[in-house]
């Protein structure tokens, strides 16, 4: 596990690389961030988008939350951290791609799957209920499958719910229809180290070569 000393040591290496050995990258970003891809990923410590994709600072605009969920667009009087990030990425950064990346063994989806309505969670269960439609679909279509198989199916179905919810934001829907913004669903298998991409024409996730 990473101690604070390890984190500080890591920062010093980062500092040396980007502000000592070669300052050009950060010098080029003084006026703003150039990211053209928004990644919605899980908080899970095993699933860091920048590490998994070997990206440099400035490559990705990243939103991380429990179970990599996108809520539907709504204007109720609550806080909307994920929605605010979407709005900024699309309207200000004018990103060209939005990727929702789920993963295997997701604790958030597991909490959703095992919730029987009696759990007293203050924040987690209300949040993961965004993907309730994914759970209901898998419950109906995967009868007789093992629990691990059902959970995998639910993790992947939740990605599709988030992709659908993205289109409830008018700024996103308009750009998708104009062909200047693309939506993608990715699934990372943390056990096998494989990445899968959703293929709408096949209706399933396919391993990335």
Protein backbone atom coordinates (compact mmCIF):
# COMPACT_ATOMS: atom_id res chain seq x y z
CA UNK A 1 0.00 0.00 0.00
CA UNK A 2 1.17 3.51 -0.77
CA UNK A 3 2.34 5.50 2.22
CA UNK A 4 2.48 9.29 2.21
CA UNK A 5 6.27 9.00 1.92
CA UNK A 6 5.88 6.89 -1.24
CA UNK A 7 3.46 9.45 -2.69
CA UNK A 8 5.85 12.32 -2.00
CA UNK A 9 8.68 10.34 -3.56
CA UNK A 10 6.51 9.77 -6.62
CA UNK A 11 5.75 13.48 -6.84
CA UNK A 12 9.44 14.29 -6.76
CA UNK A 13 10.03 11.94 -9.71
CA UNK A 14 7.11 13.54 -11.54
CA UNK A 15 8.49 16.99 -10.75
CA UNK A 16 11.91 16.06 -12.06
CA UNK A 17 10.51 14.57 -15.26
CA UNK A 18 8.11 17.37 -16.19
CA UNK A 19 9.63 20.43 -14.53
CA UNK A 20 13.31 19.47 -14.46
CA UNK A 21 14.35 17.24 -17.35
CA UNK A 22 11.83 18.55 -19.87
CA UNK A 23 9.45 21.46 -19.25
CA UNK A 24 7.97 21.58 -22.74
CA UNK A 25 4.77 19.63 -22.01
CA UNK A 26 3.56 21.80 -19.15
CA UNK A 27 4.87 24.93 -20.84
CA UNK A 28 2.56 24.12 -23.76
CA UNK A 29 -0.42 23.90 -21.39
CA UNK A 30 -0.02 27.22 -19.59
CA UNK A 31 -3.13 28.68 -21.22
CA UNK A 32 -5.37 25.65 -20.67
CA UNK A 33 -5.76 21.93 -21.00
CA UNK A 34 -5.76 20.36 -24.48
CA UNK A 35 -7.68 17.17 -23.63
CA UNK A 36 -10.04 16.03 -26.39
CA UNK A 37 -11.20 12.83 -24.68
CA UNK A 38 -13.38 12.65 -21.60
CA UNK A 39 -13.13 9.43 -19.60
CA UNK A 40 -15.81 8.49 -17.07
CA UNK A 41 -14.20 5.87 -14.84
CA UNK A 42 -14.63 4.23 -11.46
CA UNK A 43 -12.99 5.38 -8.23
CA UNK A 44 -11.49 1.88 -7.84
CA UNK A 45 -7.77 2.19 -7.12
CA UNK A 46 -6.99 -0.62 -9.59
CA UNK A 47 -8.51 1.26 -12.52
CA UNK A 48 -6.60 4.47 -13.16
CA UNK A 49 -7.46 5.62 -16.70
CA UNK A 50 -4.20 7.47 -17.32
CA UNK A 51 -2.11 4.49 -16.22
CA UNK A 52 -4.21 1.96 -18.15
CA UNK A 53 -3.93 3.99 -21.36
CA UNK A 54 -0.36 5.18 -20.79
CA UNK A 55 -1.37 8.82 -21.25
CA UNK A 56 0.58 11.99 -20.56
CA UNK A 57 -0.78 14.87 -18.49
CA UNK A 58 -3.23 16.80 -20.65
CA UNK A 59 -4.37 13.83 -22.72
CA UNK A 60 -7.49 12.91 -20.73
CA UNK A 61 -10.16 14.86 -18.91
CA UNK A 62 -11.22 12.35 -16.27
CA UNK A 63 -14.35 12.01 -14.16
CA UNK A 64 -14.21 9.29 -11.53
CA UNK A 65 -17.10 8.20 -9.35
CA UNK A 66 -18.48 5.04 -7.78
CA UNK A 67 -19.19 2.49 -10.55
CA UNK A 68 -18.35 4.94 -13.38
CA UNK A 69 -21.96 6.06 -13.67
CA UNK A 70 -23.48 8.90 -15.66
CA UNK A 71 -26.71 10.19 -14.12
CA UNK A 72 -29.54 11.31 -16.37
CA UNK A 73 -29.76 15.04 -16.99
CA UNK A 74 -32.07 16.67 -14.43
CA UNK A 75 -32.31 20.01 -12.67
CA UNK A 76 -33.34 19.06 -9.15
CA UNK A 77 -31.88 21.14 -6.36
CA UNK A 78 -28.91 18.91 -5.63
CA UNK A 79 -25.18 18.89 -6.30
CA UNK A 80 -24.19 17.61 -9.72
CA UNK A 81 -20.45 16.98 -9.84
CA UNK A 82 -20.48 14.49 -12.71
CA UNK A 83 -22.97 16.52 -14.74
CA UNK A 84 -20.92 19.69 -14.23
CA UNK A 85 -17.81 17.90 -15.47
CA UNK A 86 -19.68 16.66 -18.55
CA UNK A 87 -20.91 20.16 -19.31
CA UNK A 88 -17.43 21.66 -18.98
CA UNK A 89 -15.76 18.96 -21.07
CA UNK A 90 -18.27 19.28 -23.90
CA UNK A 91 -18.94 23.03 -23.95
CA UNK A 92 -15.55 24.41 -22.88
CA UNK A 93 -12.99 21.77 -23.89
CA UNK A 94 -15.07 20.63 -26.87
CA UNK A 95 -13.99 17.03 -26.41
CA UNK A 96 -14.34 14.76 -29.41
CA UNK A 97 -14.75 11.48 -27.52
CA UNK A 98 -16.51 10.42 -24.33
CA UNK A 99 -15.55 7.00 -22.99
CA UNK A 100 -17.41 5.28 -20.16
CA UNK A 101 -15.02 2.67 -18.77
CA UNK A 102 -16.35 0.03 -16.41
CA UNK A 103 -14.42 -2.86 -14.94
CA UNK A 104 -14.65 -6.35 -13.47
CA UNK A 105 -15.17 -6.88 -9.75
CA UNK A 106 -16.72 -3.44 -9.32
CA UNK A 107 -17.75 -2.84 -5.72
CA UNK A 108 -20.37 -0.30 -6.71
CA UNK A 109 -22.14 -2.70 -9.06
CA UNK A 110 -21.87 -5.42 -6.44
CA UNK A 111 -23.63 -3.11 -3.95
CA UNK A 112 -26.38 -2.52 -6.51
CA UNK A 113 -26.70 -6.23 -7.26
CA UNK A 114 -27.08 -7.29 -3.63
CA UNK A 115 -29.33 -4.40 -2.56
CA UNK A 116 -32.70 -5.76 -1.48
CA UNK A 117 -34.08 -2.40 -0.43
CA UNK A 118 -33.20 -2.79 3.23
CA UNK A 119 -29.63 -1.47 3.12
CA UNK A 120 -29.15 1.65 5.21
CA UNK A 121 -26.45 3.23 3.03
CA UNK A 122 -26.78 7.01 3.02
CA UNK A 123 -25.07 7.72 -0.29
CA UNK A 124 -23.80 4.59 -2.10
CA UNK A 125 -27.06 2.79 -2.80
CA UNK A 126 -29.00 5.88 -3.92
CA UNK A 127 -26.11 6.63 -6.29
CA UNK A 128 -25.70 3.16 -7.80
CA UNK A 129 -29.48 2.94 -8.30
CA UNK A 130 -28.76 4.97 -11.45
CA UNK A 131 -27.98 1.56 -12.99
CA UNK A 132 -31.10 -0.19 -11.64
CA UNK A 133 -32.28 -0.79 -15.22
CA UNK A 134 -29.09 -2.75 -15.91
CA UNK A 135 -29.69 -4.96 -12.88
CA UNK A 136 -33.33 -5.57 -13.84
CA UNK A 137 -32.37 -6.49 -17.40
CA UNK A 138 -29.69 -8.95 -16.33
CA UNK A 139 -31.94 -10.51 -13.69
CA UNK A 140 -34.48 -11.22 -16.41
CA UNK A 141 -32.10 -12.34 -19.17
CA UNK A 142 -29.47 -14.32 -17.25
CA UNK A 143 -31.55 -16.82 -15.30
CA UNK A 144 -29.53 -19.93 -14.58
CA UNK A 145 -26.19 -18.16 -14.96
CA UNK A 146 -23.68 -18.11 -12.12
CA UNK A 147 -23.48 -15.07 -9.86
CA UNK A 148 -20.06 -14.06 -11.29
CA UNK A 149 -21.50 -14.26 -14.80
CA UNK A 150 -24.50 -12.18 -13.78
CA UNK A 151 -22.29 -9.57 -12.13
CA UNK A 152 -20.12 -9.29 -15.24
CA UNK A 153 -23.23 -8.84 -17.35
CA UNK A 154 -24.51 -6.19 -14.94
CA UNK A 155 -21.20 -4.31 -14.99
CA UNK A 156 -21.34 -4.20 -18.77
CA UNK A 157 -25.05 -3.36 -18.91
CA UNK A 158 -24.45 -0.45 -16.52
CA UNK A 159 -22.01 1.02 -19.04
CA UNK A 160 -24.79 0.99 -21.63
CA UNK A 161 -27.13 2.75 -19.20
CA UNK A 162 -24.54 5.49 -18.77
CA UNK A 163 -24.10 5.81 -22.54
CA UNK A 164 -27.86 6.21 -22.86
CA UNK A 165 -27.91 8.79 -20.05
CA UNK A 166 -25.21 10.80 -21.82
CA UNK A 167 -27.69 11.44 -24.62
CA UNK A 168 -30.13 13.01 -22.16
CA UNK A 169 -27.78 16.03 -22.06
CA UNK A 170 -28.74 18.29 -24.95
CA UNK A 171 -25.19 19.56 -25.50
CA UNK A 172 -23.99 15.97 -25.93
CA UNK A 173 -26.92 14.78 -28.04
CA UNK A 174 -26.57 17.70 -30.44
CA UNK A 175 -22.86 17.09 -30.99
CA UNK A 176 -23.34 13.35 -31.47
CA UNK A 177 -26.01 14.03 -34.08
CA UNK A 178 -23.69 16.50 -35.80
CA UNK A 179 -20.96 13.86 -35.94
CA UNK A 180 -18.43 15.88 -33.95
CA UNK A 181 -18.65 13.84 -30.75
CA UNK A 182 -18.39 10.06 -30.37
CA UNK A 183 -19.48 7.93 -27.41
CA UNK A 184 -17.69 4.73 -26.41
CA UNK A 185 -18.19 1.99 -23.85
CA UNK A 186 -15.12 0.18 -22.52
CA UNK A 187 -14.79 -2.66 -20.02
CA UNK A 188 -11.54 -3.57 -18.28
CA UNK A 189 -11.05 -7.09 -16.94
CA UNK A 190 -8.83 -6.55 -13.90
CA UNK A 191 -8.16 -10.29 -13.54
CA UNK A 192 -7.03 -11.00 -17.10
CA UNK A 193 -5.71 -7.54 -17.99
CA UNK A 194 -7.90 -7.31 -21.08
CA UNK A 195 -9.86 -4.38 -22.48
CA UNK A 196 -13.22 -4.78 -24.22
CA UNK A 197 -15.05 -2.22 -26.36
CA UNK A 198 -18.78 -2.17 -26.95
CA UNK A 199 -19.74 -2.72 -30.58
CA UNK A 200 -23.29 -1.48 -31.24
CA UNK A 201 -23.49 -3.40 -34.53
CA UNK A 202 -22.80 -6.66 -32.66
CA UNK A 203 -24.65 -5.74 -29.48
CA UNK A 204 -21.80 -6.92 -27.28
CA UNK A 205 -18.36 -6.09 -25.87
CA UNK A 206 -15.45 -7.26 -28.00
CA UNK A 207 -11.82 -7.65 -26.92
CA UNK A 208 -9.54 -4.90 -28.20
CA UNK A 209 -6.70 -6.33 -30.27
